[in-house]
């Protein structure tokens, strides 16, 4: 879990811009090695169900834990996000607002 938070924090720091330190070999090489190590990690066989049915049960656990929140988010919050995004696109298309290439991509 701690490794997950470390990698997530690092990713967030690189989304907007890279600092000179992040672009240096002193920083990039160790982070790269860590990423390669994480990518090469194998899930222990004893933690994954052997049969396909058992594996499909894993997402059901998440559904039980987050299902009510997911339904609420999709039905109340997400439509408002889409409205705001579409409004910004309308403004951009009608030349009433400027959006950077990154915003357009995202």
PDB file of N, CA and C in Angstrom:
ATOM      1  N   UNK A   1       0.825  -1.191   0.000  1.00  0.00           N
ATOM      2  CA  UNK A   1       0.000   0.000   0.000  1.00  0.00           C
ATOM      3  C   UNK A   1       0.871   1.258   0.000  1.00  0.00           C
ATOM      4  N   UNK A   2       1.942   1.221   0.788  1.00  0.00           N
ATOM      5  CA  UNK A   2       2.843   2.363   0.857  1.00  0.00           C
ATOM      6  C   UNK A   2       3.493   2.625  -0.505  1.00  0.00           C
ATOM      7  N   UNK A   3       3.916   1.573  -1.166  1.00  0.00           N
ATOM      8  CA  UNK A   3       4.515   1.719  -2.499  1.00  0.00           C
ATOM      9  C   UNK A   3       3.506   2.327  -3.470  1.00  0.00           C
ATOM     10  N   UNK A   4       2.266   1.911  -3.376  1.00  0.00           N
ATOM     11  CA  UNK A   4       1.196   2.460  -4.228  1.00  0.00           C
ATOM     12  C   UNK A   4       1.107   3.974  -4.037  1.00  0.00           C
ATOM     13  N   UNK A   5       1.103   4.435  -2.788  1.00  0.00           N
ATOM     14  CA  UNK A   5       0.995   5.867  -2.510  1.00  0.00           C
ATOM     15  C   UNK A   5       2.227   6.635  -2.987  1.00  0.00           C
ATOM     16  N   UNK A   6       3.387   6.034  -2.844  1.00  0.00           N
ATOM     17  CA  UNK A   6       4.616   6.681  -3.312  1.00  0.00           C
ATOM     18  C   UNK A   6       4.575   6.868  -4.823  1.00  0.00           C
ATOM     19  N   UNK A   7       4.212   5.817  -5.544  1.00  0.00           N
ATOM     20  CA  UNK A   7       4.159   5.902  -7.006  1.00  0.00           C
ATOM     21  C   UNK A   7       3.073   6.871  -7.465  1.00  0.00           C
ATOM     22  N   UNK A   8       1.949   6.866  -6.770  1.00  0.00           N
ATOM     23  CA  UNK A   8       0.858   7.775  -7.117  1.00  0.00           C
ATOM     24  C   UNK A   8       1.283   9.230  -6.902  1.00  0.00           C
ATOM     25  N   UNK A   9       1.956   9.502  -5.804  1.00  0.00           N
ATOM     26  CA  UNK A   9       2.431  10.858  -5.527  1.00  0.00           C
ATOM     27  C   UNK A   9       3.445  11.297  -6.583  1.00  0.00           C
ATOM     28  N   UNK A  10       4.361  10.401  -6.939  1.00  0.00           N
ATOM     29  CA  UNK A  10       5.352  10.745  -7.965  1.00  0.00           C
ATOM     30  C   UNK A  10       4.665  11.052  -9.292  1.00  0.00           C
ATOM     31  N   UNK A  11       3.699  10.231  -9.662  1.00  0.00           N
ATOM     32  CA  UNK A  11       2.987  10.449 -10.919  1.00  0.00           C
ATOM     33  C   UNK A  11       2.316  11.816 -10.918  1.00  0.00           C
ATOM     34  N   UNK A  12       1.678  12.175  -9.812  1.00  0.00           N
ATOM     35  CA  UNK A  12       0.983  13.465  -9.730  1.00  0.00           C
ATOM     36  C   UNK A  12       1.958  14.623  -9.872  1.00  0.00           C
ATOM     37  N   UNK A  13       3.174  14.479  -9.352  1.00  0.00           N
ATOM     38  CA  UNK A  13       4.143  15.571  -9.459  1.00  0.00           C
ATOM     39  C   UNK A  13       4.648  15.740 -10.883  1.00  0.00           C
ATOM     40  N   UNK A  14       4.477  14.740 -11.727  1.00  0.00           N
ATOM     41  CA  UNK A  14       4.981  14.836 -13.104  1.00  0.00           C
ATOM     42  C   UNK A  14       3.897  15.224 -14.101  1.00  0.00           C
ATOM     43  N   UNK A  15       2.660  15.344 -13.676  1.00  0.00           N
ATOM     44  CA  UNK A  15       1.575  15.631 -14.618  1.00  0.00           C
ATOM     45  C   UNK A  15       1.617  17.038 -15.182  1.00  0.00           C
ATOM     46  N   UNK A  16       1.920  18.014 -14.364  1.00  0.00           N
ATOM     47  CA  UNK A  16       1.866  19.403 -14.819  1.00  0.00           C
ATOM     48  C   UNK A  16       3.194  19.839 -15.422  1.00  0.00           C
ATOM     49  N   UNK A  17       4.259  19.600 -14.702  1.00  0.00           N
ATOM     50  CA  UNK A  17       5.590  19.925 -15.238  1.00  0.00           C
ATOM     51  C   UNK A  17       6.642  19.158 -14.463  1.00  0.00           C
ATOM     52  N   UNK A  18       7.763  18.976 -15.105  1.00  0.00           N
ATOM     53  CA  UNK A  18       8.894  18.309 -14.455  1.00  0.00           C
ATOM     54  C   UNK A  18       9.843  19.359 -13.912  1.00  0.00           C
ATOM     55  N   UNK A  19      10.265  19.169 -12.683  1.00  0.00           N
ATOM     56  CA  UNK A  19      11.253  20.078 -12.112  1.00  0.00           C
ATOM     57  C   UNK A  19      12.623  19.734 -12.703  1.00  0.00           C
ATOM     58  N   UNK A  20      13.575  20.662 -12.620  1.00  0.00           N
ATOM     59  CA  UNK A  20      14.925  20.339 -13.092  1.00  0.00           C
ATOM     60  C   UNK A  20      15.486  19.104 -12.392  1.00  0.00           C
ATOM     61  N   UNK A  21      15.187  18.949 -11.094  1.00  0.00           N
ATOM     62  CA  UNK A  21      15.670  17.771 -10.373  1.00  0.00           C
ATOM     63  C   UNK A  21      15.075  16.483 -10.958  1.00  0.00           C
ATOM     64  N   UNK A  22      13.770  16.500 -11.273  1.00  0.00           N
ATOM     65  CA  UNK A  22      13.135  15.304 -11.832  1.00  0.00           C
ATOM     66  C   UNK A  22      13.707  14.934 -13.195  1.00  0.00           C
ATOM     67  N   UNK A  23      14.236  15.918 -13.906  1.00  0.00           N
ATOM     68  CA  UNK A  23      14.810  15.636 -15.227  1.00  0.00           C
ATOM     69  C   UNK A  23      16.273  15.206 -15.144  1.00  0.00           C
ATOM     70  N   UNK A  24      16.880  15.327 -13.971  1.00  0.00           N
ATOM     71  CA  UNK A  24      18.289  14.954 -13.839  1.00  0.00           C
ATOM     72  C   UNK A  24      18.433  13.443 -13.716  1.00  0.00           C
ATOM     73  N   UNK A  25      19.588  12.949 -14.121  1.00  0.00           N
ATOM     74  CA  UNK A  25      19.863  11.517 -14.007  1.00  0.00           C
ATOM     75  C   UNK A  25      19.854  11.045 -12.560  1.00  0.00           C
ATOM     76  N   UNK A  26      20.246  11.933 -11.638  1.00  0.00           N
ATOM     77  CA  UNK A  26      20.268  11.568 -10.225  1.00  0.00           C
ATOM     78  C   UNK A  26      18.869  11.200  -9.716  1.00  0.00           C
ATOM     79  N   UNK A  27      17.850  11.767 -10.314  1.00  0.00           N
ATOM     80  CA  UNK A  27      16.474  11.465  -9.925  1.00  0.00           C
ATOM     81  C   UNK A  27      15.854  10.436 -10.862  1.00  0.00           C
ATOM     82  N   UNK A  28      16.056  10.622 -12.150  1.00  0.00           N
ATOM     83  CA  UNK A  28      15.384   9.787 -13.146  1.00  0.00           C
ATOM     84  C   UNK A  28      15.811   8.326 -13.080  1.00  0.00           C
ATOM     85  N   UNK A  29      17.082   8.069 -12.914  1.00  0.00           N
ATOM     86  CA  UNK A  29      17.576   6.685 -12.917  1.00  0.00           C
ATOM     87  C   UNK A  29      17.004   5.874 -11.743  1.00  0.00           C
ATOM     88  N   UNK A  30      17.057   6.383 -10.497  1.00  0.00           N
ATOM     89  CA  UNK A  30      16.474   5.592  -9.405  1.00  0.00           C
ATOM     90  C   UNK A  30      14.965   5.378  -9.555  1.00  0.00           C
ATOM     91  N   UNK A  31      14.247   6.414 -10.002  1.00  0.00           N
ATOM     92  CA  UNK A  31      12.804   6.242 -10.207  1.00  0.00           C
ATOM     93  C   UNK A  31      12.542   5.231 -11.316  1.00  0.00           C
ATOM     94  N   UNK A  32      13.318   5.309 -12.376  1.00  0.00           N
ATOM     95  CA  UNK A  32      13.165   4.344 -13.462  1.00  0.00           C
ATOM     96  C   UNK A  32      13.410   2.922 -12.989  1.00  0.00           C
ATOM     97  N   UNK A  33      14.450   2.741 -12.186  1.00  0.00           N
ATOM     98  CA  UNK A  33      14.736   1.401 -11.643  1.00  0.00           C
ATOM     99  C   UNK A  33      13.585   0.901 -10.776  1.00  0.00           C
ATOM    100  N   UNK A  34      13.030   1.802  -9.957  1.00  0.00           N
ATOM    101  CA  UNK A  34      11.896   1.418  -9.121  1.00  0.00           C
ATOM    102  C   UNK A  34      10.701   1.014  -9.981  1.00  0.00           C
ATOM    103  N   UNK A  35      10.409   1.796 -11.015  1.00  0.00           N
ATOM    104  CA  UNK A  35       9.298   1.453 -11.902  1.00  0.00           C
ATOM    105  C   UNK A  35       9.514   0.105 -12.567  1.00  0.00           C
ATOM    106  N   UNK A  36      10.717  -0.137 -13.069  1.00  0.00           N
ATOM    107  CA  UNK A  36      11.001  -1.431 -13.696  1.00  0.00           C
ATOM    108  C   UNK A  36      10.816  -2.569 -12.697  1.00  0.00           C
ATOM    109  N   UNK A  37      11.276  -2.341 -11.462  1.00  0.00           N
ATOM    110  CA  UNK A  37      11.132  -3.361 -10.424  1.00  0.00           C
ATOM    111  C   UNK A  37       9.649  -3.650 -10.160  1.00  0.00           C
ATOM    112  N   UNK A  38       8.851  -2.593 -10.046  1.00  0.00           N
ATOM    113  CA  UNK A  38       7.413  -2.767  -9.778  1.00  0.00           C
ATOM    114  C   UNK A  38       6.738  -3.475 -10.946  1.00  0.00           C
ATOM    115  N   UNK A  39       7.074  -3.090 -12.152  1.00  0.00           N
ATOM    116  CA  UNK A  39       6.472  -3.713 -13.332  1.00  0.00           C
ATOM    117  C   UNK A  39       6.798  -5.200 -13.387  1.00  0.00           C
ATOM    118  N   UNK A  40       7.986  -5.566 -12.951  1.00  0.00           N
ATOM    119  CA  UNK A  40       8.405  -6.964 -12.989  1.00  0.00           C
ATOM    120  C   UNK A  40       7.938  -7.791 -11.796  1.00  0.00           C
ATOM    121  N   UNK A  41       7.285  -7.156 -10.826  1.00  0.00           N
ATOM    122  CA  UNK A  41       6.763  -7.913  -9.688  1.00  0.00           C
ATOM    123  C   UNK A  41       5.701  -8.900 -10.158  1.00  0.00           C
ATOM    124  N   UNK A  42       5.719 -10.064  -9.595  1.00  0.00           N
ATOM    125  CA  UNK A  42       4.712 -11.076  -9.902  1.00  0.00           C
ATOM    126  C   UNK A  42       3.763 -11.209  -8.722  1.00  0.00           C
ATOM    127  N   UNK A  43       2.489 -11.299  -9.007  1.00  0.00           N
ATOM    128  CA  UNK A  43       1.518 -11.500  -7.946  1.00  0.00           C
ATOM    129  C   UNK A  43       1.722 -12.908  -7.401  1.00  0.00           C
ATOM    130  N   UNK A  44       1.879 -13.045  -6.087  1.00  0.00           N
ATOM    131  CA  UNK A  44       2.068 -14.394  -5.525  1.00  0.00           C
ATOM    132  C   UNK A  44       0.892 -15.301  -5.874  1.00  0.00           C
ATOM    133  N   UNK A  45       1.204 -16.495  -6.336  1.00  0.00           N
ATOM    134  CA  UNK A  45       0.162 -17.420  -6.786  1.00  0.00           C
ATOM    135  C   UNK A  45      -0.834 -17.764  -5.692  1.00  0.00           C
ATOM    136  N   UNK A  46      -0.375 -17.760  -4.449  1.00  0.00           N
ATOM    137  CA  UNK A  46      -1.296 -18.117  -3.365  1.00  0.00           C
ATOM    138  C   UNK A  46      -2.285 -17.000  -3.033  1.00  0.00           C
ATOM    139  N   UNK A  47      -2.112 -15.806  -3.625  1.00  0.00           N
ATOM    140  CA  UNK A  47      -3.059 -14.717  -3.381  1.00  0.00           C
ATOM    141  C   UNK A  47      -4.111 -14.600  -4.474  1.00  0.00           C
ATOM    142  N   UNK A  48      -3.908 -15.310  -5.573  1.00  0.00           N
ATOM    143  CA  UNK A  48      -4.849 -15.271  -6.695  1.00  0.00           C
ATOM    144  C   UNK A  48      -5.583 -16.606  -6.756  1.00  0.00           C
ATOM    145  N   UNK A  49      -6.916 -16.566  -6.800  1.00  0.00           N
ATOM    146  CA  UNK A  49      -7.654 -17.834  -6.916  1.00  0.00           C
ATOM    147  C   UNK A  49      -7.224 -18.622  -8.147  1.00  0.00           C
ATOM    148  N   UNK A  50      -7.139 -19.935  -8.009  1.00  0.00           N
ATOM    149  CA  UNK A  50      -6.664 -20.790  -9.095  1.00  0.00           C
ATOM    150  C   UNK A  50      -7.674 -20.883 -10.242  1.00  0.00           C
ATOM    151  N   UNK A  51      -8.952 -20.885  -9.914  1.00  0.00           N
ATOM    152  CA  UNK A  51      -9.960 -21.042 -10.969  1.00  0.00           C
ATOM    153  C   UNK A  51     -10.485 -19.680 -11.439  1.00  0.00           C
ATOM    154  N   UNK A  52     -10.992 -19.666 -12.644  1.00  0.00           N
ATOM    155  CA  UNK A  52     -11.490 -18.433 -13.256  1.00  0.00           C
ATOM    156  C   UNK A  52     -12.675 -17.850 -12.486  1.00  0.00           C
ATOM    157  N   UNK A  53     -13.535 -18.718 -11.952  1.00  0.00           N
ATOM    158  CA  UNK A  53     -14.683 -18.227 -11.176  1.00  0.00           C
ATOM    159  C   UNK A  53     -14.224 -17.492  -9.928  1.00  0.00           C
ATOM    160  N   UNK A  54     -13.221 -18.027  -9.290  1.00  0.00           N
ATOM    161  CA  UNK A  54     -12.673 -17.371  -8.100  1.00  0.00           C
ATOM    162  C   UNK A  54     -12.077 -16.022  -8.428  1.00  0.00           C
ATOM    163  N   UNK A  55     -11.438 -15.918  -9.581  1.00  0.00           N
ATOM    164  CA  UNK A  55     -10.854 -14.645  -9.996  1.00  0.00           C
ATOM    165  C   UNK A  55     -11.942 -13.619 -10.285  1.00  0.00           C
ATOM    166  N   UNK A  56     -13.031 -14.060 -10.874  1.00  0.00           N
ATOM    167  CA  UNK A  56     -14.102 -13.123 -11.180  1.00  0.00           C
ATOM    168  C   UNK A  56     -14.817 -12.647  -9.920  1.00  0.00           C
ATOM    169  N   UNK A  57     -14.655 -13.378  -8.812  1.00  0.00           N
ATOM    170  CA  UNK A  57     -15.245 -12.958  -7.541  1.00  0.00           C
ATOM    171  C   UNK A  57     -14.542 -11.725  -6.976  1.00  0.00           C
ATOM    172  N   UNK A  58     -13.265 -11.530  -7.336  1.00  0.00           N
ATOM    173  CA  UNK A  58     -12.514 -10.392  -6.811  1.00  0.00           C
ATOM    174  C   UNK A  58     -13.178  -9.055  -7.139  1.00  0.00           C
ATOM    175  N   UNK A  59     -13.604  -8.804  -8.431  1.00  0.00           N
ATOM    176  CA  UNK A  59     -14.290  -7.526  -8.703  1.00  0.00           C
ATOM    177  C   UNK A  59     -15.620  -7.402  -7.957  1.00  0.00           C
ATOM    178  N   UNK A  60     -16.266  -8.523  -7.667  1.00  0.00           N
ATOM    179  CA  UNK A  60     -17.530  -8.443  -6.934  1.00  0.00           C
ATOM    180  C   UNK A  60     -17.325  -7.867  -5.544  1.00  0.00           C
ATOM    181  N   UNK A  61     -16.196  -8.144  -4.939  1.00  0.00           N
ATOM    182  CA  UNK A  61     -15.892  -7.583  -3.621  1.00  0.00           C
ATOM    183  C   UNK A  61     -15.815  -6.060  -3.714  1.00  0.00           C
ATOM    184  N   UNK A  62     -15.178  -5.565  -4.765  1.00  0.00           N
ATOM    185  CA  UNK A  62     -15.107  -4.117  -4.960  1.00  0.00           C
ATOM    186  C   UNK A  62     -16.493  -3.532  -5.195  1.00  0.00           C
ATOM    187  N   UNK A  63     -17.312  -4.244  -5.934  1.00  0.00           N
ATOM    188  CA  UNK A  63     -18.669  -3.773  -6.205  1.00  0.00           C
ATOM    189  C   UNK A  63     -19.461  -3.656  -4.917  1.00  0.00           C
ATOM    190  N   UNK A  64     -19.295  -4.624  -4.024  1.00  0.00           N
ATOM    191  CA  UNK A  64     -19.990  -4.564  -2.736  1.00  0.00           C
ATOM    192  C   UNK A  64     -19.511  -3.366  -1.918  1.00  0.00           C
ATOM    193  N   UNK A  65     -18.210  -3.128  -1.944  1.00  0.00           N
ATOM    194  CA  UNK A  65     -17.640  -2.062  -1.131  1.00  0.00           C
ATOM    195  C   UNK A  65     -17.929  -0.676  -1.693  1.00  0.00           C
ATOM    196  N   UNK A  66     -17.865  -0.524  -3.021  1.00  0.00           N
ATOM    197  CA  UNK A  66     -17.982   0.789  -3.643  1.00  0.00           C
ATOM    198  C   UNK A  66     -19.220   0.964  -4.506  1.00  0.00           C
ATOM    199  N   UNK A  67     -20.059  -0.048  -4.609  1.00  0.00           N
ATOM    200  CA  UNK A  67     -21.207  -0.008  -5.514  1.00  0.00           C
ATOM    201  C   UNK A  67     -22.142   1.158  -5.262  1.00  0.00           C
ATOM    202  N   UNK A  68     -22.514   1.400  -4.013  1.00  0.00           N
ATOM    203  CA  UNK A  68     -23.441   2.493  -3.704  1.00  0.00           C
ATOM    204  C   UNK A  68     -22.824   3.839  -4.067  1.00  0.00           C
ATOM    205  N   UNK A  69     -21.539   4.015  -3.737  1.00  0.00           N
ATOM    206  CA  UNK A  69     -20.859   5.255  -4.092  1.00  0.00           C
ATOM    207  C   UNK A  69     -20.793   5.416  -5.610  1.00  0.00           C
ATOM    208  N   UNK A  70     -20.443   4.347  -6.316  1.00  0.00           N
ATOM    209  CA  UNK A  70     -20.334   4.413  -7.773  1.00  0.00           C
ATOM    210  C   UNK A  70     -21.658   4.810  -8.403  1.00  0.00           C
ATOM    211  N   UNK A  71     -22.748   4.214  -7.945  1.00  0.00           N
ATOM    212  CA  UNK A  71     -24.068   4.563  -8.483  1.00  0.00           C
ATOM    213  C   UNK A  71     -24.394   6.029  -8.230  1.00  0.00           C
ATOM    214  N   UNK A  72     -24.132   6.472  -7.015  1.00  0.00           N
ATOM    215  CA  UNK A  72     -24.394   7.867  -6.665  1.00  0.00           C
ATOM    216  C   UNK A  72     -23.537   8.810  -7.510  1.00  0.00           C
ATOM    217  N   UNK A  73     -22.264   8.489  -7.662  1.00  0.00           N
ATOM    218  CA  UNK A  73     -21.353   9.332  -8.437  1.00  0.00           C
ATOM    219  C   UNK A  73     -21.816   9.429  -9.884  1.00  0.00           C
ATOM    220  N   UNK A  74     -22.154   8.297 -10.479  1.00  0.00           N
ATOM    221  CA  UNK A  74     -22.557   8.264 -11.888  1.00  0.00           C
ATOM    222  C   UNK A  74     -23.862   9.024 -12.109  1.00  0.00           C
ATOM    223  N   UNK A  75     -24.765   8.940 -11.152  1.00  0.00           N
ATOM    224  CA  UNK A  75     -26.075   9.553 -11.335  1.00  0.00           C
ATOM    225  C   UNK A  75     -26.160  11.014 -10.924  1.00  0.00           C
ATOM    226  N   UNK A  76     -25.284  11.475 -10.035  1.00  0.00           N
ATOM    227  CA  UNK A  76     -25.401  12.849  -9.572  1.00  0.00           C
ATOM    228  C   UNK A  76     -24.209  13.730  -9.934  1.00  0.00           C
ATOM    229  N   UNK A  77     -23.012  13.237  -9.733  1.00  0.00           N
ATOM    230  CA  UNK A  77     -21.830  14.066  -9.905  1.00  0.00           C
ATOM    231  C   UNK A  77     -21.303  14.049 -11.340  1.00  0.00           C
ATOM    232  N   UNK A  78     -21.208  12.897 -11.930  1.00  0.00           N
ATOM    233  CA  UNK A  78     -20.635  12.772 -13.274  1.00  0.00           C
ATOM    234  C   UNK A  78     -21.386  13.596 -14.329  1.00  0.00           C
ATOM    235  N   UNK A  79     -22.724  13.612 -14.325  1.00  0.00           N
ATOM    236  CA  UNK A  79     -23.414  14.436 -15.331  1.00  0.00           C
ATOM    237  C   UNK A  79     -23.055  15.923 -15.226  1.00  0.00           C
ATOM    238  N   UNK A  80     -22.827  16.399 -14.004  1.00  0.00           N
ATOM    239  CA  UNK A  80     -22.452  17.804 -13.836  1.00  0.00           C
ATOM    240  C   UNK A  80     -21.046  18.061 -14.381  1.00  0.00           C
ATOM    241  N   UNK A  81     -20.158  17.103 -14.182  1.00  0.00           N
ATOM    242  CA  UNK A  81     -18.801  17.227 -14.741  1.00  0.00           C
ATOM    243  C   UNK A  81     -18.875  17.302 -16.257  1.00  0.00           C
ATOM    244  N   UNK A  82     -19.663  16.424 -16.851  1.00  0.00           N
ATOM    245  CA  UNK A  82     -19.793  16.397 -18.309  1.00  0.00           C
ATOM    246  C   UNK A  82     -20.370  17.719 -18.813  1.00  0.00           C
ATOM    247  N   UNK A  83     -21.356  18.280 -18.122  1.00  0.00           N
ATOM    248  CA  UNK A  83     -21.943  19.566 -18.531  1.00  0.00           C
ATOM    249  C   UNK A  83     -20.887  20.671 -18.564  1.00  0.00           C
ATOM    250  N   UNK A  84     -20.050  20.708 -17.517  1.00  0.00           N
ATOM    251  CA  UNK A  84     -19.014  21.740 -17.456  1.00  0.00           C
ATOM    252  C   UNK A  84     -18.005  21.539 -18.586  1.00  0.00           C
ATOM    253  N   UNK A  85     -17.591  20.302 -18.809  1.00  0.00           N
ATOM    254  CA  UNK A  85     -16.650  20.023 -19.896  1.00  0.00           C
ATOM    255  C   UNK A  85     -17.237  20.413 -21.251  1.00  0.00           C
ATOM    256  N   UNK A  86     -18.474  20.013 -21.496  1.00  0.00           N
ATOM    257  CA  UNK A  86     -19.109  20.329 -22.778  1.00  0.00           C
ATOM    258  C   UNK A  86     -19.272  21.833 -22.963  1.00  0.00           C
ATOM    259  N   UNK A  87     -19.559  22.535 -21.884  1.00  0.00           N
ATOM    260  CA  UNK A  87     -19.663  23.997 -21.972  1.00  0.00           C
ATOM    261  C   UNK A  87     -18.327  24.604 -22.388  1.00  0.00           C
ATOM    262  N   UNK A  88     -17.237  24.112 -21.815  1.00  0.00           N
ATOM    263  CA  UNK A  88     -15.920  24.607 -22.193  1.00  0.00           C
ATOM    264  C   UNK A  88     -15.612  24.306 -23.660  1.00  0.00           C
ATOM    265  N   UNK A  89     -16.013  23.147 -24.123  1.00  0.00           N
ATOM    266  CA  UNK A  89     -15.805  22.784 -25.533  1.00  0.00           C
ATOM    267  C   UNK A  89     -16.614  23.716 -26.430  1.00  0.00           C
ATOM    268  N   UNK A  90     -17.856  23.990 -26.053  1.00  0.00           N
ATOM    269  CA  UNK A  90     -18.685  24.926 -26.838  1.00  0.00           C
ATOM    270  C   UNK A  90     -18.039  26.297 -26.923  1.00  0.00           C
ATOM    271  N   UNK A  91     -17.519  26.787 -25.794  1.00  0.00           N
ATOM    272  CA  UNK A  91     -16.842  28.076 -25.795  1.00  0.00           C
ATOM    273  C   UNK A  91     -15.617  28.056 -26.697  1.00  0.00           C
ATOM    274  N   UNK A  92     -14.861  26.967 -26.662  1.00  0.00           N
ATOM    275  CA  UNK A  92     -13.666  26.853 -27.494  1.00  0.00           C
ATOM    276  C   UNK A  92     -14.028  26.812 -28.977  1.00  0.00           C
ATOM    277  N   UNK A  93     -15.020  26.007 -29.320  1.00  0.00           N
ATOM    278  CA  UNK A  93     -15.417  25.857 -30.727  1.00  0.00           C
ATOM    279  C   UNK A  93     -15.948  27.175 -31.290  1.00  0.00           C
ATOM    280  N   UNK A  94     -16.633  27.941 -30.456  1.00  0.00           N
ATOM    281  CA  UNK A  94     -17.176  29.227 -30.918  1.00  0.00           C
ATOM    282  C   UNK A  94     -16.173  30.369 -30.752  1.00  0.00           C
ATOM    283  N   UNK A  95     -14.931  30.049 -30.442  1.00  0.00           N
ATOM    284  CA  UNK A  95     -13.835  31.013 -30.295  1.00  0.00           C
ATOM    285  C   UNK A  95     -14.090  32.031 -29.178  1.00  0.00           C
ATOM    286  N   UNK A  96     -14.835  31.630 -28.167  1.00  0.00           N
ATOM    287  CA  UNK A  96     -15.075  32.507 -27.024  1.00  0.00           C
ATOM    288  C   UNK A  96     -14.108  32.209 -25.877  1.00  0.00           C
ATOM    289  N   UNK A  97     -13.384  31.117 -25.983  1.00  0.00           N
ATOM    290  CA  UNK A  97     -12.415  30.746 -24.949  1.00  0.00           C
ATOM    291  C   UNK A  97     -11.276  29.984 -25.612  1.00  0.00           C
ATOM    292  N   UNK A  98     -10.130  30.029 -24.964  1.00  0.00           N
ATOM    293  CA  UNK A  98      -8.957  29.313 -25.447  1.00  0.00           C
ATOM    294  C   UNK A  98      -8.697  28.130 -24.538  1.00  0.00           C
ATOM    295  N   UNK A  99      -8.360  26.992 -25.132  1.00  0.00           N
ATOM    296  CA  UNK A  99      -7.961  25.800 -24.384  1.00  0.00           C
ATOM    297  C   UNK A  99      -6.601  25.357 -24.884  1.00  0.00           C
ATOM    298  N   UNK A 100      -5.708  25.080 -23.968  1.00  0.00           N
ATOM    299  CA  UNK A 100      -4.381  24.608 -24.357  1.00  0.00           C
ATOM    300  C   UNK A 100      -4.515  23.237 -25.023  1.00  0.00           C
ATOM    301  N   UNK A 101      -3.485  22.856 -25.744  1.00  0.00           N
ATOM    302  CA  UNK A 101      -3.479  21.534 -26.396  1.00  0.00           C
ATOM    303  C   UNK A 101      -3.655  20.422 -25.367  1.00  0.00           C
ATOM    304  N   UNK A 102      -3.028  20.577 -24.196  1.00  0.00           N
ATOM    305  CA  UNK A 102      -3.136  19.556 -23.156  1.00  0.00           C
ATOM    306  C   UNK A 102      -4.573  19.445 -22.667  1.00  0.00           C
ATOM    307  N   UNK A 103      -5.230  20.581 -22.452  1.00  0.00           N
ATOM    308  CA  UNK A 103      -6.641  20.544 -22.032  1.00  0.00           C
ATOM    309  C   UNK A 103      -7.504  19.908 -23.107  1.00  0.00           C
ATOM    310  N   UNK A 104      -7.223  20.234 -24.360  1.00  0.00           N
ATOM    311  CA  UNK A 104      -7.994  19.627 -25.449  1.00  0.00           C
ATOM    312  C   UNK A 104      -7.806  18.114 -25.453  1.00  0.00           C
ATOM    313  N   UNK A 105      -6.581  17.686 -25.246  1.00  0.00           N
ATOM    314  CA  UNK A 105      -6.285  16.263 -25.213  1.00  0.00           C
ATOM    315  C   UNK A 105      -7.001  15.565 -24.057  1.00  0.00           C
ATOM    316  N   UNK A 106      -6.886  16.176 -22.874  1.00  0.00           N
ATOM    317  CA  UNK A 106      -7.489  15.578 -21.694  1.00  0.00           C
ATOM    318  C   UNK A 106      -9.001  15.572 -21.788  1.00  0.00           C
TER     319      UNK A 106
END
